[in-house]
Amino acid sequence: MDKEILISKWLNNNLNDQELEAFKNLEDYDDLVKLNNSVQAFKADNFNTSTELETVLSKIKRSKKQTIHWVKPLMRVAAILAVCFSLYYYTTTLDTTITTKFAQKTTIELPDASSVSLNAKSLLAFNKNNWKHEREVELNGEAFFKVAKGSSFKVITKSGTVTVYGTQFNVKQRDNYFEVICYEGLVGVTHNSQETKLKLGDRFLIIDGKIIVKEKENRTTPSWLNNESQFKSLPFKEVIAEFERQYNVTFDVTNVDTNQLFTGGFPHDSLDTAIESITLPLHLTHSKTNNTITLKRE
């Protein structure tokens, strides 16, 4: 029988008596026996596969139970912390917002005792919780500020940012209209990344995207704080817009040139007087139907 077959059958303990005698007569029989005895030392122990599998699965189940036992409380704690963090974030980032309606004015005291008078149809927003770190308000409309001394104070509008240090000033930001007047101290107005410094009586004015040069302001406070609106060489459309905010009316100016310049003013407490105040200087006639005032040339 072939030598390789004998060795293979011997390794598998599959030799009959005749084949065993033939195997013993091989010239390398002694070496093969020694090698086999050495290899046996490295054999893994015999084990029952099914039994071992059940043991492993049992350990996994126990591990899952222990994991679930401590994971559930941990998840509850994490959920509570997430809710608390969300509430903290919401309350600390929530802005205080004040708005005024047509013909309404109001005064707000800020957290640092600065005061803001808000004109009709305006909005002011600020964050109380972050005030110590950042004195900053957002304005849409018109407001007069009396700023308490302290760190930098900023008024942010769509048209530009006003930066001040302990001063009094008025900011008016409306459609295509942006005006800042300094009544005390020093004001920095940043528009299109360029800053302009305003001192007492200085005015910064932009209408329809154009910077308008104006003479100094002689009043000590804005006229609207005294329930009247004053204008000096401003387009009539700005007068009409302010009138509508103060009286909650609508103008029909189809037959009127609203770009003509107007100098004068109107009171906030008498509609009839106010209409006469803005029509007579321009020789206009008016008629009122419900809440609409129609203006025409005489």
C-alpha atoms as a PDB file:
ATOM      1  CA  MET A   1       0.000   0.000   0.000  1.00  0.00           C
ATOM      2  CA  ASP A   2       1.192   3.472  -0.745  1.00  0.00           C
ATOM      3  CA  LYS A   3       3.176   5.107   2.098  1.00  0.00           C
ATOM      4  CA  GLU A   4       1.107   8.331   2.150  1.00  0.00           C
ATOM      5  CA  ILE A   5      -2.143   6.366   2.435  1.00  0.00           C
ATOM      6  CA  LEU A   6      -0.782   4.363   5.347  1.00  0.00           C
ATOM      7  CA  ILE A   7       0.276   7.498   7.198  1.00  0.00           C
ATOM      8  CA  SER A   8      -3.096   9.146   6.541  1.00  0.00           C
ATOM      9  CA  LYS A   9      -5.054   6.148   7.807  1.00  0.00           C
ATOM     10  CA  TRP A  10      -2.743   5.899  10.832  1.00  0.00           C
ATOM     11  CA  LEU A  11      -3.401   9.534  11.744  1.00  0.00           C
ATOM     12  CA  ASN A  12      -7.137   8.817  11.587  1.00  0.00           C
ATOM     13  CA  ASN A  13      -6.797   5.579  13.577  1.00  0.00           C
ATOM     14  CA  ASN A  14      -8.198   3.681  10.627  1.00  0.00           C
ATOM     15  CA  LEU A  15      -5.538   0.956  10.062  1.00  0.00           C
ATOM     16  CA  ASN A  16      -6.433  -2.748  10.099  1.00  0.00           C
ATOM     17  CA  ASP A  17      -3.983  -5.317  11.527  1.00  0.00           C
ATOM     18  CA  GLN A  18      -2.263  -6.009   8.208  1.00  0.00           C
ATOM     19  CA  GLU A  19      -1.956  -2.258   7.425  1.00  0.00           C
ATOM     20  CA  LEU A  20      -0.672  -1.566  10.956  1.00  0.00           C
ATOM     21  CA  GLU A  21       2.147  -4.108  10.487  1.00  0.00           C
ATOM     22  CA  ALA A  22       3.021  -2.494   7.172  1.00  0.00           C
ATOM     23  CA  PHE A  23       3.070   0.925   8.798  1.00  0.00           C
ATOM     24  CA  LYS A  24       5.424  -0.283  11.587  1.00  0.00           C
ATOM     25  CA  ASN A  25       7.822  -1.507   8.977  1.00  0.00           C
ATOM     26  CA  LEU A  26       8.216   1.958   7.497  1.00  0.00           C
ATOM     27  CA  GLU A  27      11.777   3.279   7.835  1.00  0.00           C
ATOM     28  CA  ASP A  28      10.560   6.553   9.436  1.00  0.00           C
ATOM     29  CA  TYR A  29       8.029   4.899  11.758  1.00  0.00           C
ATOM     30  CA  ASP A  30       9.844   6.044  14.958  1.00  0.00           C
ATOM     31  CA  ASP A  31      10.031   9.669  13.776  1.00  0.00           C
ATOM     32  CA  LEU A  32       6.319   9.692  12.888  1.00  0.00           C
ATOM     33  CA  VAL A  33       5.342   8.394  16.305  1.00  0.00           C
ATOM     34  CA  LYS A  34       7.488  11.033  18.087  1.00  0.00           C
ATOM     35  CA  LEU A  35       5.998  13.820  15.951  1.00  0.00           C
ATOM     36  CA  ASN A  36       2.450  12.653  16.665  1.00  0.00           C
ATOM     37  CA  ASN A  37       3.104  12.566  20.400  1.00  0.00           C
ATOM     38  CA  SER A  38       4.431  16.151  20.296  1.00  0.00           C
ATOM     39  CA  VAL A  39       1.417  17.420  18.356  1.00  0.00           C
ATOM     40  CA  GLN A  40      -1.017  15.892  20.855  1.00  0.00           C
ATOM     41  CA  ALA A  41       0.211  18.338  23.492  1.00  0.00           C
ATOM     42  CA  PHE A  42      -1.178  21.240  21.470  1.00  0.00           C
ATOM     43  CA  LYS A  43      -4.672  19.804  20.864  1.00  0.00           C
ATOM     44  CA  ALA A  44      -7.643  21.661  22.298  1.00  0.00           C
ATOM     45  CA  ASP A  45      -9.773  19.928  24.890  1.00  0.00           C
ATOM     46  CA  ASN A  46     -12.878  18.179  23.604  1.00  0.00           C
ATOM     47  CA  PHE A  47     -16.122  19.981  24.423  1.00  0.00           C
ATOM     48  CA  ASN A  48     -19.853  19.753  23.744  1.00  0.00           C
ATOM     49  CA  THR A  49     -20.788  22.474  21.232  1.00  0.00           C
ATOM     50  CA  SER A  50     -24.474  22.660  22.233  1.00  0.00           C
ATOM     51  CA  THR A  51     -23.670  22.927  25.928  1.00  0.00           C
ATOM     52  CA  GLU A  52     -21.095  25.620  25.384  1.00  0.00           C
ATOM     53  CA  LEU A  53     -23.511  27.626  23.167  1.00  0.00           C
ATOM     54  CA  GLU A  54     -26.229  27.542  25.820  1.00  0.00           C
ATOM     55  CA  THR A  55     -23.714  28.745  28.416  1.00  0.00           C
ATOM     56  CA  VAL A  56     -22.694  31.723  26.252  1.00  0.00           C
ATOM     57  CA  LEU A  57     -26.302  32.710  25.481  1.00  0.00           C
ATOM     58  CA  SER A  58     -27.164  32.526  29.179  1.00  0.00           C
ATOM     59  CA  LYS A  59     -24.314  34.934  30.004  1.00  0.00           C
ATOM     60  CA  ILE A  60     -25.474  37.374  27.299  1.00  0.00           C
ATOM     61  CA  LYS A  61     -29.030  37.392  28.707  1.00  0.00           C
ATOM     62  CA  ARG A  62     -27.747  38.110  32.214  1.00  0.00           C
ATOM     63  CA  SER A  63     -25.562  40.892  30.849  1.00  0.00           C
ATOM     64  CA  LYS A  64     -28.542  42.469  29.043  1.00  0.00           C
ATOM     65  CA  LYS A  65     -30.638  42.409  32.222  1.00  0.00           C
ATOM     66  CA  GLN A  66     -27.862  44.111  34.184  1.00  0.00           C
ATOM     67  CA  THR A  67     -27.376  46.678  31.413  1.00  0.00           C
ATOM     68  CA  ILE A  68     -31.102  47.479  31.237  1.00  0.00           C
ATOM     69  CA  HIS A  69     -31.179  47.760  35.017  1.00  0.00           C
ATOM     70  CA  TRP A  70     -28.770  50.750  35.038  1.00  0.00           C
ATOM     71  CA  VAL A  71     -29.451  52.124  31.542  1.00  0.00           C
ATOM     72  CA  LYS A  72     -33.121  52.979  32.200  1.00  0.00           C
ATOM     73  CA  PRO A  73     -32.424  55.263  35.197  1.00  0.00           C
ATOM     74  CA  LEU A  74     -29.536  56.829  33.298  1.00  0.00           C
ATOM     75  CA  MET A  75     -31.818  57.563  30.334  1.00  0.00           C
ATOM     76  CA  ARG A  76     -34.375  59.169  32.652  1.00  0.00           C
ATOM     77  CA  VAL A  77     -31.682  61.387  34.177  1.00  0.00           C
ATOM     78  CA  ALA A  78     -30.431  62.321  30.700  1.00  0.00           C
ATOM     79  CA  ALA A  79     -33.962  63.222  29.618  1.00  0.00           C
ATOM     80  CA  ILE A  80     -34.457  65.435  32.684  1.00  0.00           C
ATOM     81  CA  LEU A  81     -31.131  67.161  32.068  1.00  0.00           C
ATOM     82  CA  ALA A  82     -32.044  67.717  28.419  1.00  0.00           C
ATOM     83  CA  VAL A  83     -35.355  69.322  29.396  1.00  0.00           C
ATOM     84  CA  CYS A  84     -33.672  71.517  32.011  1.00  0.00           C
ATOM     85  CA  PHE A  85     -31.010  72.606  29.532  1.00  0.00           C
ATOM     86  CA  SER A  86     -33.658  73.377  26.925  1.00  0.00           C
ATOM     87  CA  LEU A  87     -35.656  75.463  29.397  1.00  0.00           C
ATOM     88  CA  TYR A  88     -32.516  77.286  30.536  1.00  0.00           C
ATOM     89  CA  TYR A  89     -31.442  77.972  26.950  1.00  0.00           C
ATOM     90  CA  TYR A  90     -34.926  79.142  26.007  1.00  0.00           C
ATOM     91  CA  THR A  91     -35.334  81.491  28.966  1.00  0.00           C
ATOM     92  CA  THR A  92     -31.824  82.943  28.702  1.00  0.00           C
ATOM     93  CA  THR A  93     -32.024  83.581  24.968  1.00  0.00           C
ATOM     94  CA  LEU A  94     -35.626  84.779  24.904  1.00  0.00           C
ATOM     95  CA  ASP A  95     -35.937  88.451  24.013  1.00  0.00           C
ATOM     96  CA  THR A  96     -38.229  90.950  25.679  1.00  0.00           C
ATOM     97  CA  THR A  97     -40.205  92.615  22.890  1.00  0.00           C
ATOM     98  CA  ILE A  98     -42.251  95.792  23.174  1.00  0.00           C
ATOM     99  CA  THR A  99     -44.437  97.050  20.337  1.00  0.00           C
ATOM    100  CA  THR A 100     -46.623 100.106  19.922  1.00  0.00           C
ATOM    101  CA  LYS A 101     -49.762 100.428  17.839  1.00  0.00           C
ATOM    102  CA  PHE A 102     -51.072 103.291  15.720  1.00  0.00           C
ATOM    103  CA  ALA A 103     -51.244 106.535  17.739  1.00  0.00           C
ATOM    104  CA  GLN A 104     -49.557 104.833  20.714  1.00  0.00           C
ATOM    105  CA  LYS A 105     -46.374 105.796  22.547  1.00  0.00           C
ATOM    106  CA  THR A 106     -44.722 104.150  25.509  1.00  0.00           C
ATOM    107  CA  THR A 107     -41.602 104.395  27.702  1.00  0.00           C
ATOM    108  CA  ILE A 108     -39.511 101.383  28.713  1.00  0.00           C
ATOM    109  CA  GLU A 109     -36.856 101.144  31.402  1.00  0.00           C
ATOM    110  CA  LEU A 110     -33.983  98.854  30.443  1.00  0.00           C
ATOM    111  CA  PRO A 111     -32.155  96.617  32.978  1.00  0.00           C
ATOM    112  CA  ASP A 112     -29.390  99.231  33.488  1.00  0.00           C
ATOM    113  CA  ALA A 113     -31.918 102.038  34.185  1.00  0.00           C
ATOM    114  CA  SER A 114     -31.561 103.447  30.672  1.00  0.00           C
ATOM    115  CA  SER A 115     -34.931 104.591  29.339  1.00  0.00           C
ATOM    116  CA  VAL A 116     -36.413 104.303  25.871  1.00  0.00           C
ATOM    117  CA  SER A 117     -39.428 106.243  24.603  1.00  0.00           C
ATOM    118  CA  LEU A 118     -41.043 104.374  21.733  1.00  0.00           C
ATOM    119  CA  ASN A 119     -43.012 106.219  19.053  1.00  0.00           C
ATOM    120  CA  ALA A 120     -46.124 104.873  17.281  1.00  0.00           C
ATOM    121  CA  LYS A 121     -45.886 101.660  15.222  1.00  0.00           C
ATOM    122  CA  SER A 122     -42.453 100.716  16.544  1.00  0.00           C
ATOM    123  CA  LEU A 123     -40.775  97.625  17.966  1.00  0.00           C
ATOM    124  CA  LEU A 124     -37.987  97.284  20.516  1.00  0.00           C
ATOM    125  CA  ALA A 125     -36.375  93.970  21.556  1.00  0.00           C
ATOM    126  CA  PHE A 126     -33.629  93.118  24.066  1.00  0.00           C
ATOM    127  CA  ASN A 127     -32.402  90.244  26.237  1.00  0.00           C
ATOM    128  CA  LYS A 128     -32.623  90.845  30.006  1.00  0.00           C
ATOM    129  CA  ASN A 129     -30.533  87.841  31.022  1.00  0.00           C
ATOM    130  CA  ASN A 130     -27.612  88.751  28.788  1.00  0.00           C
ATOM    131  CA  TRP A 131     -27.737  92.484  29.515  1.00  0.00           C
ATOM    132  CA  LYS A 132     -24.699  92.597  31.824  1.00  0.00           C
ATOM    133  CA  HIS A 133     -22.544  91.110  29.103  1.00  0.00           C
ATOM    134  CA  GLU A 134     -24.064  92.864  26.107  1.00  0.00           C
ATOM    135  CA  ARG A 135     -26.135  96.057  26.270  1.00  0.00           C
ATOM    136  CA  GLU A 136     -27.857  95.730  22.943  1.00  0.00           C
ATOM    137  CA  VAL A 137     -31.353  96.441  21.595  1.00  0.00           C
ATOM    138  CA  GLU A 138     -33.022  95.917  18.259  1.00  0.00           C
ATOM    139  CA  LEU A 139     -35.218  98.671  16.888  1.00  0.00           C
ATOM    140  CA  ASN A 140     -37.726  98.797  14.097  1.00  0.00           C
ATOM    141  CA  GLY A 141     -39.389 102.209  14.090  1.00  0.00           C
ATOM    142  CA  GLU A 142     -38.522 105.297  16.125  1.00  0.00           C
ATOM    143  CA  ALA A 143     -37.244 105.691  19.676  1.00  0.00           C
ATOM    144  CA  PHE A 144     -35.577 108.252  21.913  1.00  0.00           C
ATOM    145  CA  PHE A 145     -32.848 106.894  24.199  1.00  0.00           C
ATOM    146  CA  LYS A 146     -31.526 108.163  27.510  1.00  0.00           C
ATOM    147  CA  VAL A 147     -28.605 105.858  28.106  1.00  0.00           C
ATOM    148  CA  ALA A 148     -27.138 105.240  31.546  1.00  0.00           C
ATOM    149  CA  LYS A 149     -23.374 105.420  31.759  1.00  0.00           C
ATOM    150  CA  GLY A 150     -21.601 102.112  31.493  1.00  0.00           C
ATOM    151  CA  SER A 151     -20.176  99.787  28.896  1.00  0.00           C
ATOM    152  CA  SER A 152     -20.958 100.101  25.224  1.00  0.00           C
ATOM    153  CA  PHE A 153     -24.621 100.441  24.314  1.00  0.00           C
ATOM    154  CA  LYS A 154     -25.800  99.445  20.834  1.00  0.00           C
ATOM    155  CA  VAL A 155     -28.996 100.014  18.883  1.00  0.00           C
ATOM    156  CA  ILE A 156     -29.262  97.656  15.951  1.00  0.00           C
ATOM    157  CA  THR A 157     -31.543  98.483  13.020  1.00  0.00           C
ATOM    158  CA  LYS A 158     -31.931  97.157   9.488  1.00  0.00           C
ATOM    159  CA  SER A 159     -30.229 100.282   8.147  1.00  0.00           C
ATOM    160  CA  GLY A 160     -27.313 100.587  10.557  1.00  0.00           C
ATOM    161  CA  THR A 161     -25.976 100.230  14.104  1.00  0.00           C
ATOM    162  CA  VAL A 162     -25.740 103.055  16.650  1.00  0.00           C
ATOM    163  CA  THR A 163     -23.049 102.772  19.335  1.00  0.00           C
ATOM    164  CA  VAL A 164     -23.095 105.159  22.296  1.00  0.00           C
ATOM    165  CA  TYR A 165     -21.522 105.872  25.701  1.00  0.00           C
ATOM    166  CA  GLY A 166     -23.848 107.596  28.173  1.00  0.00           C
ATOM    167  CA  THR A 167     -25.869 109.900  25.945  1.00  0.00           C
ATOM    168  CA  GLN A 168     -29.283 110.924  24.617  1.00  0.00           C
ATOM    169  CA  PHE A 169     -30.210 110.374  21.019  1.00  0.00           C
ATOM    170  CA  ASN A 170     -33.093 109.616  18.690  1.00  0.00           C
ATOM    171  CA  VAL A 171     -33.160 106.820  16.118  1.00  0.00           C
ATOM    172  CA  LYS A 172     -35.742 106.586  13.363  1.00  0.00           C
ATOM    173  CA  GLN A 173     -35.668 103.595  11.052  1.00  0.00           C
ATOM    174  CA  ARG A 174     -38.552 103.292   8.620  1.00  0.00           C
ATOM    175  CA  ASP A 175     -38.927 102.109   5.032  1.00  0.00           C
ATOM    176  CA  ASN A 176     -36.060 103.720   3.071  1.00  0.00           C
ATOM    177  CA  TYR A 177     -35.556 106.209   5.924  1.00  0.00           C
ATOM    178  CA  PHE A 178     -32.825 106.128   8.574  1.00  0.00           C
ATOM    179  CA  GLU A 179     -32.082 109.053  10.897  1.00  0.00           C
ATOM    180  CA  VAL A 180     -30.000 109.453  14.038  1.00  0.00           C
ATOM    181  CA  ILE A 181     -29.852 112.723  16.009  1.00  0.00           C
ATOM    182  CA  CYS A 182     -27.503 113.222  18.953  1.00  0.00           C
ATOM    183  CA  TYR A 183     -28.935 115.298  21.799  1.00  0.00           C
ATOM    184  CA  GLU A 184     -26.137 114.716  24.308  1.00  0.00           C
ATOM    185  CA  GLY A 185     -22.739 113.030  24.418  1.00  0.00           C
ATOM    186  CA  LEU A 186     -21.235 111.145  21.507  1.00  0.00           C
ATOM    187  CA  VAL A 187     -22.874 108.743  19.049  1.00  0.00           C
ATOM    188  CA  GLY A 188     -21.251 106.443  16.513  1.00  0.00           C
ATOM    189  CA  VAL A 189     -23.406 105.408  13.540  1.00  0.00           C
ATOM    190  CA  THR A 190     -22.213 102.464  11.454  1.00  0.00           C
ATOM    191  CA  HIS A 191     -23.739 102.215   7.989  1.00  0.00           C
ATOM    192  CA  ASN A 192     -22.318 100.010   5.216  1.00  0.00           C
ATOM    193  CA  SER A 193     -19.301  99.228   7.458  1.00  0.00           C
ATOM    194  CA  GLN A 194     -18.425 102.915   7.792  1.00  0.00           C
ATOM    195  CA  GLU A 195     -18.736 104.738  11.124  1.00  0.00           C
ATOM    196  CA  THR A 196     -19.763 108.397  11.478  1.00  0.00           C
ATOM    197  CA  LYS A 197     -19.328 110.167  14.831  1.00  0.00           C
ATOM    198  CA  LEU A 198     -22.129 112.513  15.925  1.00  0.00           C
ATOM    199  CA  LYS A 199     -21.782 115.180  18.609  1.00  0.00           C
ATOM    200  CA  LEU A 200     -24.434 117.364  20.206  1.00  0.00           C
ATOM    201  CA  GLY A 201     -26.920 118.504  17.561  1.00  0.00           C
ATOM    202  CA  ASP A 202     -25.417 116.420  14.742  1.00  0.00           C
ATOM    203  CA  ARG A 203     -27.753 114.489  12.490  1.00  0.00           C
ATOM    204  CA  PHE A 204     -27.179 111.431  10.293  1.00  0.00           C
ATOM    205  CA  LEU A 205     -29.875 111.003   7.646  1.00  0.00           C
ATOM    206  CA  ILE A 206     -30.338 108.572   4.780  1.00  0.00           C
ATOM    207  CA  ILE A 207     -33.402 108.685   2.493  1.00  0.00           C
ATOM    208  CA  ASP A 208     -33.842 106.164  -0.318  1.00  0.00           C
ATOM    209  CA  GLY A 209     -30.232 105.055   0.101  1.00  0.00           C
ATOM    210  CA  LYS A 210     -28.770 108.556  -0.190  1.00  0.00           C
ATOM    211  CA  ILE A 211     -27.007 110.410   2.626  1.00  0.00           C
ATOM    212  CA  ILE A 212     -28.706 113.761   3.180  1.00  0.00           C
ATOM    213  CA  VAL A 213     -26.726 116.619   4.707  1.00  0.00           C
ATOM    214  CA  LYS A 214     -28.769 118.555   7.268  1.00  0.00           C
ATOM    215  CA  GLU A 215     -28.061 121.476   9.541  1.00  0.00           C
ATOM    216  CA  LYS A 216     -27.688 120.959  13.278  1.00  0.00           C
ATOM    217  CA  GLU A 217     -30.665 120.163  15.479  1.00  0.00           C
ATOM    218  CA  ASN A 218     -31.520 122.992  17.896  1.00  0.00           C
ATOM    219  CA  ARG A 219     -34.157 121.185  19.952  1.00  0.00           C
ATOM    220  CA  THR A 220     -33.217 119.505  23.201  1.00  0.00           C
ATOM    221  CA  THR A 221     -35.571 116.554  22.622  1.00  0.00           C
ATOM    222  CA  PRO A 222     -37.460 115.116  19.636  1.00  0.00           C
ATOM    223  CA  SER A 223     -40.717 116.886  18.843  1.00  0.00           C
ATOM    224  CA  TRP A 224     -42.766 113.682  18.949  1.00  0.00           C
ATOM    225  CA  LEU A 225     -42.162 113.409  22.700  1.00  0.00           C
ATOM    226  CA  ASN A 226     -44.325 116.538  22.974  1.00  0.00           C
ATOM    227  CA  ASN A 227     -47.083 114.992  20.836  1.00  0.00           C
ATOM    228  CA  GLU A 228     -46.229 116.728  17.612  1.00  0.00           C
ATOM    229  CA  SER A 229     -44.202 115.917  14.507  1.00  0.00           C
ATOM    230  CA  GLN A 230     -41.892 118.507  12.981  1.00  0.00           C
ATOM    231  CA  PHE A 231     -40.210 118.341   9.568  1.00  0.00           C
ATOM    232  CA  LYS A 232     -37.683 120.534   7.822  1.00  0.00           C
ATOM    233  CA  SER A 233     -37.187 120.170   4.077  1.00  0.00           C
ATOM    234  CA  LEU A 234     -38.214 116.514   3.993  1.00  0.00           C
ATOM    235  CA  PRO A 235     -40.146 114.724   1.234  1.00  0.00           C
ATOM    236  CA  PHE A 236     -43.905 114.978   1.733  1.00  0.00           C
ATOM    237  CA  LYS A 237     -44.178 111.170   1.634  1.00  0.00           C
ATOM    238  CA  GLU A 238     -42.358 111.026   4.987  1.00  0.00           C
ATOM    239  CA  VAL A 239     -44.888 113.460   6.452  1.00  0.00           C
ATOM    240  CA  ILE A 240     -47.778 111.334   5.161  1.00  0.00           C
ATOM    241  CA  ALA A 241     -46.239 108.133   6.524  1.00  0.00           C
ATOM    242  CA  GLU A 242     -45.803 109.627   9.996  1.00  0.00           C
ATOM    243  CA  PHE A 243     -49.326 111.067   9.911  1.00  0.00           C
ATOM    244  CA  GLU A 244     -50.758 107.615   9.157  1.00  0.00           C
ATOM    245  CA  ARG A 245     -48.879 106.096  12.105  1.00  0.00           C
ATOM    246  CA  GLN A 246     -50.098 108.741  14.531  1.00  0.00           C
ATOM    247  CA  TYR A 247     -53.766 108.714  13.468  1.00  0.00           C
ATOM    248  CA  ASN A 248     -54.274 105.243  11.981  1.00  0.00           C
ATOM    249  CA  VAL A 249     -55.595 106.630   8.699  1.00  0.00           C
ATOM    250  CA  THR A 250     -54.760 106.046   5.040  1.00  0.00           C
ATOM    251  CA  PHE A 251     -53.977 108.754   2.484  1.00  0.00           C
ATOM    252  CA  ASP A 252     -54.892 108.764  -1.184  1.00  0.00           C
ATOM    253  CA  VAL A 253     -52.175 110.901  -2.788  1.00  0.00           C
ATOM    254  CA  THR A 254     -52.700 109.884  -6.398  1.00  0.00           C
ATOM    255  CA  ASN A 255     -52.844 113.494  -7.556  1.00  0.00           C
ATOM    256  CA  VAL A 256     -50.072 114.808  -5.305  1.00  0.00           C
ATOM    257  CA  ASP A 257     -46.300 114.955  -5.778  1.00  0.00           C
ATOM    258  CA  THR A 258     -45.121 113.219  -2.605  1.00  0.00           C
ATOM    259  CA  ASN A 259     -41.455 113.946  -3.335  1.00  0.00           C
ATOM    260  CA  GLN A 260     -41.894 117.707  -2.902  1.00  0.00           C
ATOM    261  CA  LEU A 261     -40.178 119.034   0.204  1.00  0.00           C
ATOM    262  CA  PHE A 262     -42.206 119.991   3.248  1.00  0.00           C
ATOM    263  CA  THR A 263     -41.335 122.193   6.208  1.00  0.00           C
ATOM    264  CA  GLY A 264     -43.756 122.364   9.108  1.00  0.00           C
ATOM    265  CA  GLY A 265     -45.503 119.954  11.440  1.00  0.00           C
ATOM    266  CA  PHE A 266     -48.739 118.604  12.874  1.00  0.00           C
ATOM    267  CA  PRO A 267     -50.112 117.837  16.366  1.00  0.00           C
ATOM    268  CA  HIS A 268     -50.915 114.310  17.524  1.00  0.00           C
ATOM    269  CA  ASP A 269     -54.065 115.149  19.457  1.00  0.00           C
ATOM    270  CA  SER A 270     -56.370 116.746  16.874  1.00  0.00           C
ATOM    271  CA  LEU A 271     -57.034 115.124  13.492  1.00  0.00           C
ATOM    272  CA  ASP A 272     -58.714 118.142  11.929  1.00  0.00           C
ATOM    273  CA  THR A 273     -55.955 120.513  13.015  1.00  0.00           C
ATOM    274  CA  ALA A 274     -53.314 118.058  11.852  1.00  0.00           C
ATOM    275  CA  ILE A 275     -54.837 117.786   8.370  1.00  0.00           C
ATOM    276  CA  GLU A 276     -54.973 121.549   8.005  1.00  0.00           C
ATOM    277  CA  SER A 277     -51.363 121.787   9.161  1.00  0.00           C
ATOM    278  CA  ILE A 278     -49.997 119.620   6.353  1.00  0.00           C
ATOM    279  CA  THR A 279     -52.351 120.662   3.507  1.00  0.00           C
ATOM    280  CA  LEU A 280     -52.433 124.462   3.735  1.00  0.00           C
ATOM    281  CA  PRO A 281     -48.650 125.019   3.286  1.00  0.00           C
ATOM    282  CA  LEU A 282     -48.757 122.996   0.030  1.00  0.00           C
ATOM    283  CA  HIS A 283     -52.100 124.415  -1.170  1.00  0.00           C
ATOM    284  CA  LEU A 284     -53.825 121.059  -1.065  1.00  0.00           C
ATOM    285  CA  THR A 285     -57.492 120.235  -0.564  1.00  0.00           C
ATOM    286  CA  HIS A 286     -58.697 117.210   1.305  1.00  0.00           C
ATOM    287  CA  SER A 287     -61.746 115.043   1.774  1.00  0.00           C
ATOM    288  CA  LYS A 288     -62.310 112.220   4.246  1.00  0.00           C
ATOM    289  CA  THR A 289     -64.280 109.035   3.627  1.00  0.00           C
ATOM    290  CA  ASN A 290     -64.324 106.595   6.534  1.00  0.00           C
ATOM    291  CA  ASN A 291     -60.642 106.140   7.332  1.00  0.00           C
ATOM    292  CA  THR A 292     -59.231 107.401   4.040  1.00  0.00           C
ATOM    293  CA  ILE A 293     -58.123 110.996   3.428  1.00  0.00           C
ATOM    294  CA  THR A 294     -57.872 112.074  -0.221  1.00  0.00           C
ATOM    295  CA  LEU A 295     -55.532 114.942  -1.090  1.00  0.00           C
ATOM    296  CA  LYS A 296     -55.717 117.050  -4.250  1.00  0.00           C
ATOM    297  CA  ARG A 297     -54.200 120.200  -5.662  1.00  0.00           C
ATOM    298  CA  GLU A 298     -56.354 123.314  -5.296  1.00  0.00           C
END
